[in-house]
Each structure stands twice: as structure tokens, then as C-alpha cells.
Amino acid sequence: FRLDGPGLAGVVLEHPDGWRLELL
């Protein structure tokens, strides 16, 4: 995703076991 106003970009990553990591 991208929020153009603040210029924030991110990605949500998921492990096969279901835990997630969001990088911003």
C-alpha cells in the first residue's frame, strides 16, 4: 500500500504459519 499524503509505503508479509510482519 501507499499513502500519498504523507508518502508512506508499506508491505504486509505473511509466514506459512500465519504470523505477519508489516514493513513501513
PDB file of all heavy atoms in Angstrom:
ATOM      1  N   PHE A   1       0.832  -1.197   0.000  1.00  0.00           N
ATOM      2  CA  PHE A   1       0.000   0.000   0.000  1.00  0.00           C
ATOM      3  C   PHE A   1       0.864   1.242   0.000  1.00  0.00           C
ATOM      4  O   PHE A   1       2.061   1.194   0.276  1.00  0.00           O
ATOM      5  CB  PHE A   1      -0.957   0.011   1.198  1.00  0.00           C
ATOM      6  CG  PHE A   1      -0.258   0.032   2.531  1.00  0.00           C
ATOM      7  CD1 PHE A   1       0.037   1.234   3.167  1.00  0.00           C
ATOM      8  CD2 PHE A   1       0.110  -1.157   3.156  1.00  0.00           C
ATOM      9  CE1 PHE A   1       0.677   1.248   4.393  1.00  0.00           C
ATOM     10  CE2 PHE A   1       0.744  -1.156   4.375  1.00  0.00           C
ATOM     11  CZ  PHE A   1       1.034   0.059   5.002  1.00  0.00           C
ATOM     12  N   ARG A   2       0.233   2.359  -0.336  1.00  0.00           N
ATOM     13  CA  ARG A   2       0.904   3.662  -0.338  1.00  0.00           C
ATOM     14  C   ARG A   2      -0.106   4.710   0.099  1.00  0.00           C
ATOM     15  O   ARG A   2      -1.238   4.723  -0.382  1.00  0.00           O
ATOM     16  CB  ARG A   2       1.435   3.982  -1.728  1.00  0.00           C
ATOM     17  CG  ARG A   2       2.131   5.308  -1.795  1.00  0.00           C
ATOM     18  CD  ARG A   2       3.021   5.395  -3.023  1.00  0.00           C
ATOM     19  NE  ARG A   2       3.798   6.606  -2.985  1.00  0.00           N
ATOM     20  CZ  ARG A   2       4.902   6.789  -2.265  1.00  0.00           C
ATOM     21  NH1 ARG A   2       5.361   5.813  -1.542  1.00  0.00           N
ATOM     22  NH2 ARG A   2       5.540   7.936  -2.279  1.00  0.00           N
ATOM     23  N   LEU A   3       0.304   5.572   1.014  1.00  0.00           N
ATOM     24  CA  LEU A   3      -0.482   6.733   1.421  1.00  0.00           C
ATOM     25  C   LEU A   3       0.230   7.949   0.855  1.00  0.00           C
ATOM     26  O   LEU A   3       1.260   8.380   1.384  1.00  0.00           O
ATOM     27  CB  LEU A   3      -0.589   6.805   2.940  1.00  0.00           C
ATOM     28  CG  LEU A   3      -1.176   5.561   3.633  1.00  0.00           C
ATOM     29  CD1 LEU A   3      -1.129   5.731   5.147  1.00  0.00           C
ATOM     30  CD2 LEU A   3      -2.593   5.304   3.160  1.00  0.00           C
ATOM     31  N   ASP A   4      -0.304   8.493  -0.237  1.00  0.00           N
ATOM     32  CA  ASP A   4       0.384   9.563  -0.944  1.00  0.00           C
ATOM     33  C   ASP A   4       0.576  10.825  -0.121  1.00  0.00           C
ATOM     34  O   ASP A   4       1.619  11.465  -0.224  1.00  0.00           O
ATOM     35  CB  ASP A   4      -0.345   9.889  -2.250  1.00  0.00           C
ATOM     36  CG  ASP A   4      -0.218   8.762  -3.264  1.00  0.00           C
ATOM     37  OD1 ASP A   4       0.839   8.099  -3.285  1.00  0.00           O
ATOM     38  OD2 ASP A   4      -1.182   8.534  -4.022  1.00  0.00           O
ATOM     39  N   GLY A   5      -0.387  11.202   0.699  1.00  0.00           N
ATOM     40  CA  GLY A   5      -0.257  12.424   1.501  1.00  0.00           C
ATOM     41  C   GLY A   5       1.043  12.454   2.300  1.00  0.00           C
ATOM     42  O   GLY A   5       1.900  13.309   2.080  1.00  0.00           O
ATOM     43  N   PRO A   6       1.236  11.513   3.216  1.00  0.00           N
ATOM     44  CA  PRO A   6       2.480  11.501   3.985  1.00  0.00           C
ATOM     45  C   PRO A   6       3.639  10.796   3.273  1.00  0.00           C
ATOM     46  O   PRO A   6       4.766  10.801   3.761  1.00  0.00           O
ATOM     47  CB  PRO A   6       2.104  10.743   5.255  1.00  0.00           C
ATOM     48  CG  PRO A   6       0.983   9.853   4.853  1.00  0.00           C
ATOM     49  CD  PRO A   6       0.235  10.603   3.772  1.00  0.00           C
ATOM     50  N   GLY A   7       3.374  10.182   2.118  1.00  0.00           N
ATOM     51  CA  GLY A   7       4.423   9.471   1.402  1.00  0.00           C
ATOM     52  C   GLY A   7       4.822   8.159   2.058  1.00  0.00           C
ATOM     53  O   GLY A   7       5.944   7.696   1.915  1.00  0.00           O
ATOM     54  N   LEU A   8       3.895   7.555   2.780  1.00  0.00           N
ATOM     55  CA  LEU A   8       4.169   6.313   3.487  1.00  0.00           C
ATOM     56  C   LEU A   8       3.887   5.126   2.568  1.00  0.00           C
ATOM     57  O   LEU A   8       2.843   5.064   1.931  1.00  0.00           O
ATOM     58  CB  LEU A   8       3.287   6.215   4.736  1.00  0.00           C
ATOM     59  CG  LEU A   8       3.427   4.954   5.577  1.00  0.00           C
ATOM     60  CD1 LEU A   8       4.765   4.957   6.304  1.00  0.00           C
ATOM     61  CD2 LEU A   8       2.286   4.870   6.578  1.00  0.00           C
ATOM     62  N   ALA A   9       4.838   4.214   2.497  1.00  0.00           N
ATOM     63  CA  ALA A   9       4.658   2.988   1.719  1.00  0.00           C
ATOM     64  C   ALA A   9       4.831   1.808   2.659  1.00  0.00           C
ATOM     65  O   ALA A   9       5.582   1.881   3.636  1.00  0.00           O
ATOM     66  CB  ALA A   9       5.666   2.920   0.585  1.00  0.00           C
ATOM     67  N   GLY A  10       4.121   0.735   2.363  1.00  0.00           N
ATOM     68  CA  GLY A  10       4.234  -0.431   3.222  1.00  0.00           C
ATOM     69  C   GLY A  10       3.915  -1.712   2.500  1.00  0.00           C
ATOM     70  O   GLY A  10       3.350  -1.723   1.409  1.00  0.00           O
ATOM     71  N   VAL A  11       4.304  -2.801   3.141  1.00  0.00           N
ATOM     72  CA  VAL A  11       4.004  -4.139   2.643  1.00  0.00           C
ATOM     73  C   VAL A  11       3.721  -5.019   3.852  1.00  0.00           C
ATOM     74  O   VAL A  11       4.378  -4.882   4.889  1.00  0.00           O
ATOM     75  CB  VAL A  11       5.159  -4.710   1.782  1.00  0.00           C
ATOM     76  CG1 VAL A  11       6.448  -4.816   2.570  1.00  0.00           C
ATOM     77  CG2 VAL A  11       4.786  -6.051   1.177  1.00  0.00           C
ATOM     78  N   VAL A  12       2.713  -5.869   3.725  1.00  0.00           N
ATOM     79  CA  VAL A  12       2.420  -6.856   4.760  1.00  0.00           C
ATOM     80  C   VAL A  12       2.904  -8.199   4.238  1.00  0.00           C
ATOM     81  O   VAL A  12       2.502  -8.627   3.147  1.00  0.00           O
ATOM     82  CB  VAL A  12       0.919  -6.899   5.113  1.00  0.00           C
ATOM     83  CG1 VAL A  12       0.626  -8.026   6.093  1.00  0.00           C
ATOM     84  CG2 VAL A  12       0.471  -5.558   5.684  1.00  0.00           C
ATOM     85  N   LEU A  13       3.764  -8.835   5.015  1.00  0.00           N
ATOM     86  CA  LEU A  13       4.326 -10.131   4.669  1.00  0.00           C
ATOM     87  C   LEU A  13       3.765 -11.177   5.616  1.00  0.00           C
ATOM     88  O   LEU A  13       3.512 -10.875   6.781  1.00  0.00           O
ATOM     89  CB  LEU A  13       5.855 -10.095   4.786  1.00  0.00           C
ATOM     90  CG  LEU A  13       6.559  -9.028   3.957  1.00  0.00           C
ATOM     91  CD1 LEU A  13       8.034  -8.955   4.327  1.00  0.00           C
ATOM     92  CD2 LEU A  13       6.384  -9.297   2.473  1.00  0.00           C
ATOM     93  N   GLU A  14       3.581 -12.397   5.112  1.00  0.00           N
ATOM     94  CA  GLU A  14       2.997 -13.445   5.944  1.00  0.00           C
ATOM     95  C   GLU A  14       3.810 -14.733   5.835  1.00  0.00           C
ATOM     96  O   GLU A  14       4.223 -15.140   4.750  1.00  0.00           O
ATOM     97  CB  GLU A  14       1.557 -13.710   5.521  1.00  0.00           C
ATOM     98  CG  GLU A  14       0.826 -14.695   6.420  1.00  0.00           C
ATOM     99  CD  GLU A  14      -0.640 -14.806   6.058  1.00  0.00           C
ATOM    100  OE1 GLU A  14      -0.947 -15.412   5.004  1.00  0.00           O
ATOM    101  OE2 GLU A  14      -1.475 -14.276   6.807  1.00  0.00           O
ATOM    102  N   HIS A  15       4.005 -15.369   6.976  1.00  0.00           N
ATOM    103  CA  HIS A  15       4.680 -16.663   7.060  1.00  0.00           C
ATOM    104  C   HIS A  15       3.649 -17.768   6.802  1.00  0.00           C
ATOM    105  O   HIS A  15       2.459 -17.582   7.091  1.00  0.00           O
ATOM    106  CB  HIS A  15       5.293 -16.823   8.460  1.00  0.00           C
ATOM    107  CG  HIS A  15       6.144 -18.030   8.597  1.00  0.00           C
ATOM    108  ND1 HIS A  15       5.657 -19.244   9.017  1.00  0.00           N
ATOM    109  CD2 HIS A  15       7.462 -18.203   8.364  1.00  0.00           C
ATOM    110  CE1 HIS A  15       6.642 -20.120   9.042  1.00  0.00           C
ATOM    111  NE2 HIS A  15       7.756 -19.515   8.652  1.00  0.00           N
ATOM    112  N   PRO A  16       4.055 -18.921   6.287  1.00  0.00           N
ATOM    113  CA  PRO A  16       3.101 -20.014   6.085  1.00  0.00           C
ATOM    114  C   PRO A  16       2.353 -20.415   7.360  1.00  0.00           C
ATOM    115  O   PRO A  16       1.229 -20.913   7.280  1.00  0.00           O
ATOM    116  CB  PRO A  16       3.983 -21.172   5.578  1.00  0.00           C
ATOM    117  CG  PRO A  16       5.131 -20.491   4.914  1.00  0.00           C
ATOM    118  CD  PRO A  16       5.376 -19.244   5.730  1.00  0.00           C
ATOM    119  N   ASP A  17       2.929 -20.168   8.543  1.00  0.00           N
ATOM    120  CA  ASP A  17       2.243 -20.483   9.805  1.00  0.00           C
ATOM    121  C   ASP A  17       1.244 -19.400  10.224  1.00  0.00           C
ATOM    122  O   ASP A  17       0.583 -19.535  11.248  1.00  0.00           O
ATOM    123  CB  ASP A  17       3.258 -20.683  10.934  1.00  0.00           C
ATOM    124  CG  ASP A  17       4.028 -21.983  10.786  1.00  0.00           C
ATOM    125  OD1 ASP A  17       3.558 -22.887  10.066  1.00  0.00           O
ATOM    126  OD2 ASP A  17       5.111 -22.084  11.385  1.00  0.00           O
ATOM    127  N   GLY A  18       1.161 -18.296   9.461  1.00  0.00           N
ATOM    128  CA  GLY A  18       0.160 -17.280   9.735  1.00  0.00           C
ATOM    129  C   GLY A  18       0.639 -16.010  10.404  1.00  0.00           C
ATOM    130  O   GLY A  18      -0.092 -15.031  10.447  1.00  0.00           O
ATOM    131  N   TRP A  19       1.868 -15.974  10.943  1.00  0.00           N
ATOM    132  CA  TRP A  19       2.311 -14.727  11.567  1.00  0.00           C
ATOM    133  C   TRP A  19       2.681 -13.725  10.474  1.00  0.00           C
ATOM    134  O   TRP A  19       3.081 -14.094   9.382  1.00  0.00           O
ATOM    135  CB  TRP A  19       3.426 -14.941  12.580  1.00  0.00           C
ATOM    136  CG  TRP A  19       4.707 -15.559  12.087  1.00  0.00           C
ATOM    137  CD1 TRP A  19       5.022 -16.881  12.065  1.00  0.00           C
ATOM    138  CD2 TRP A  19       5.866 -14.869  11.592  1.00  0.00           C
ATOM    139  NE1 TRP A  19       6.289 -17.065  11.583  1.00  0.00           N
ATOM    140  CE2 TRP A  19       6.834 -15.849  11.284  1.00  0.00           C
ATOM    141  CE3 TRP A  19       6.173 -13.532  11.383  1.00  0.00           C
ATOM    142  CZ2 TRP A  19       8.091 -15.525  10.767  1.00  0.00           C
ATOM    143  CZ3 TRP A  19       7.425 -13.210  10.868  1.00  0.00           C
ATOM    144  CH2 TRP A  19       8.361 -14.197  10.574  1.00  0.00           C
ATOM    145  N   ARG A  20       2.469 -12.444  10.807  1.00  0.00           N
ATOM    146  CA  ARG A  20       2.665 -11.387   9.810  1.00  0.00           C
ATOM    147  C   ARG A  20       3.660 -10.337  10.289  1.00  0.00           C
ATOM    148  O   ARG A  20       3.783 -10.075  11.484  1.00  0.00           O
ATOM    149  CB  ARG A  20       1.343 -10.684   9.507  1.00  0.00           C
ATOM    150  CG  ARG A  20       0.387 -11.521   8.710  1.00  0.00           C
ATOM    151  CD  ARG A  20      -0.896 -10.775   8.441  1.00  0.00           C
ATOM    152  NE  ARG A  20      -1.703 -11.461   7.448  1.00  0.00           N
ATOM    153  CZ  ARG A  20      -2.669 -10.889   6.766  1.00  0.00           C
ATOM    154  NH1 ARG A  20      -2.984  -9.619   6.964  1.00  0.00           N
ATOM    155  NH2 ARG A  20      -3.345 -11.579   5.872  1.00  0.00           N
ATOM    156  N   LEU A  21       4.307  -9.727   9.316  1.00  0.00           N
ATOM    157  CA  LEU A  21       5.243  -8.642   9.550  1.00  0.00           C
ATOM    158  C   LEU A  21       4.889  -7.525   8.575  1.00  0.00           C
ATOM    159  O   LEU A  21       4.760  -7.773   7.371  1.00  0.00           O
ATOM    160  CB  LEU A  21       6.676  -9.135   9.306  1.00  0.00           C
ATOM    161  CG  LEU A  21       7.791  -8.140   9.511  1.00  0.00           C
ATOM    162  CD1 LEU A  21       7.913  -7.774  10.992  1.00  0.00           C
ATOM    163  CD2 LEU A  21       9.108  -8.725   9.015  1.00  0.00           C
ATOM    164  N   GLU A  22       4.681  -6.324   9.105  1.00  0.00           N
ATOM    165  CA  GLU A  22       4.381  -5.167   8.259  1.00  0.00           C
ATOM    166  C   GLU A  22       5.619  -4.285   8.222  1.00  0.00           C
ATOM    167  O   GLU A  22       6.097  -3.840   9.267  1.00  0.00           O
ATOM    168  CB  GLU A  22       3.188  -4.395   8.820  1.00  0.00           C
ATOM    169  CG  GLU A  22       2.816  -3.188   7.998  1.00  0.00           C
ATOM    170  CD  GLU A  22       1.623  -2.443   8.594  1.00  0.00           C
ATOM    171  OE1 GLU A  22       1.525  -2.353   9.835  1.00  0.00           O
ATOM    172  OE2 GLU A  22       0.806  -1.956   7.818  1.00  0.00           O
ATOM    173  N   LEU A  23       6.138  -4.043   7.020  1.00  0.00           N
ATOM    174  CA  LEU A  23       7.281  -3.159   6.844  1.00  0.00           C
ATOM    175  C   LEU A  23       6.767  -1.824   6.319  1.00  0.00           C
ATOM    176  O   LEU A  23       5.953  -1.786   5.391  1.00  0.00           O
ATOM    177  CB  LEU A  23       8.284  -3.759   5.857  1.00  0.00           C
ATOM    178  CG  LEU A  23       8.863  -5.120   6.230  1.00  0.00           C
ATOM    179  CD1 LEU A  23       9.796  -5.616   5.126  1.00  0.00           C
ATOM    180  CD2 LEU A  23       9.577  -5.069   7.571  1.00  0.00           C
ATOM    181  N   LEU A  24       7.230  -0.738   6.940  1.00  0.00           N
ATOM    182  CA  LEU A  24       6.774   0.609   6.592  1.00  0.00           C
ATOM    183  C   LEU A  24       7.981   1.489   6.292  1.00  0.00           C
ATOM    184  O   LEU A  24       8.998   1.414   6.998  1.00  0.00           O
ATOM    185  CB  LEU A  24       5.997   1.222   7.756  1.00  0.00           C
ATOM    186  CG  LEU A  24       4.766   0.441   8.204  1.00  0.00           C
ATOM    187  CD1 LEU A  24       4.392   0.807   9.619  1.00  0.00           C
ATOM    188  CD2 LEU A  24       3.629   0.693   7.239  1.00  0.00           C
TER     189      LEU A  24
END
